[in-house]
Amino acid sequence: MEAGKNSIAYRIWGLEHLHYGILCKAEYDLAILTADKLYEEGKVSRDEYLEMIRLACGALAGS
C-alpha cells in the first residue's frame, strides 16, 4: 500500500484510540484488540496493522 493511502478503518482507529496521544493501560489494551480484529477481518493491511501496534505502544502512558 502506498504512503498516504491508508484505509478508512486505519484512519478511524487512529481517531478513536489516539485522539489524546497518551493511552492508559485499559485504552492501550482496547486499541490493540481493535487493531487485531481489524487485521483479522481484512479491513487493514499488514503494514497498517504493524503501524497501529507501533503507535499504540508509543502512546502507552509511562513508556
Protein backbone atom coordinates (compact mmCIF):
# COMPACT_ATOMS: atom_id res chain seq x y z
CA MET A 1 0.00 0.00 0.00
CA GLU A 2 1.39 3.41 -0.94
CA ALA A 3 2.20 6.01 1.68
CA GLY A 4 -0.76 8.26 2.36
CA LYS A 5 -3.24 5.70 1.06
CA ASN A 6 -4.35 4.39 4.46
CA SER A 7 -7.66 2.61 4.69
CA ILE A 8 -10.71 4.17 6.28
CA ALA A 9 -10.56 1.57 9.08
CA TYR A 10 -6.98 2.63 9.88
CA ARG A 11 -7.92 6.31 9.98
CA ILE A 12 -10.96 5.70 12.18
CA TRP A 13 -8.87 3.56 14.54
CA GLY A 14 -6.43 6.44 14.94
CA LEU A 15 -9.21 8.91 15.68
CA GLU A 16 -10.90 6.60 18.17
CA HIS A 17 -7.82 5.47 20.06
CA LEU A 18 -5.10 8.09 19.67
CA HIS A 19 -7.02 11.37 19.84
CA TYR A 20 -5.32 12.37 23.13
CA GLY A 21 -1.93 10.95 22.20
CA ILE A 22 -1.43 9.15 25.53
CA LEU A 23 -3.11 5.89 26.49
CA CYS A 24 -3.66 4.32 29.89
CA LYS A 25 -3.31 0.52 30.12
CA ALA A 26 -7.05 -0.13 29.52
CA GLU A 27 -7.12 2.19 26.49
CA TYR A 28 -3.96 0.54 25.17
CA ASP A 29 -5.49 -2.93 25.54
CA LEU A 30 -8.61 -1.80 23.69
CA ALA A 31 -6.55 -0.21 20.90
CA ILE A 32 -4.56 -3.42 20.43
CA LEU A 33 -7.66 -5.63 20.49
CA THR A 34 -9.35 -3.40 17.93
CA ALA A 35 -6.26 -3.45 15.70
CA ASP A 36 -6.17 -7.25 15.93
CA LYS A 37 -9.82 -7.51 14.97
CA LEU A 38 -9.49 -5.12 12.01
CA TYR A 39 -6.50 -7.07 10.71
CA GLU A 40 -8.20 -10.45 11.15
CA GLU A 41 -11.25 -9.16 9.26
CA GLY A 42 -9.03 -7.89 6.43
CA LYS A 43 -10.02 -4.26 6.93
CA VAL A 44 -6.41 -3.08 7.28
CA SER A 45 -3.22 -4.19 5.56
CA ARG A 46 -0.34 -5.86 7.36
CA ASP A 47 1.67 -2.63 7.17
CA GLU A 48 -1.23 -0.65 8.64
CA TYR A 49 -1.65 -3.23 11.39
CA LEU A 50 2.01 -3.06 12.36
CA GLU A 51 1.85 0.74 12.36
CA MET A 52 -1.22 0.63 14.61
CA ILE A 53 0.65 -1.57 17.09
CA ARG A 54 3.68 0.74 16.95
CA LEU A 55 1.55 3.85 17.52
CA ALA A 56 -0.33 2.26 20.41
CA CYS A 57 2.92 1.16 22.07
CA GLY A 58 4.36 4.64 21.65
CA ALA A 59 1.27 6.23 23.18
CA LEU A 60 1.17 4.00 26.27
CA ALA A 61 1.48 6.29 29.28
CA GLY A 62 4.67 5.81 31.21
CA SER A 63 6.58 4.17 28.37
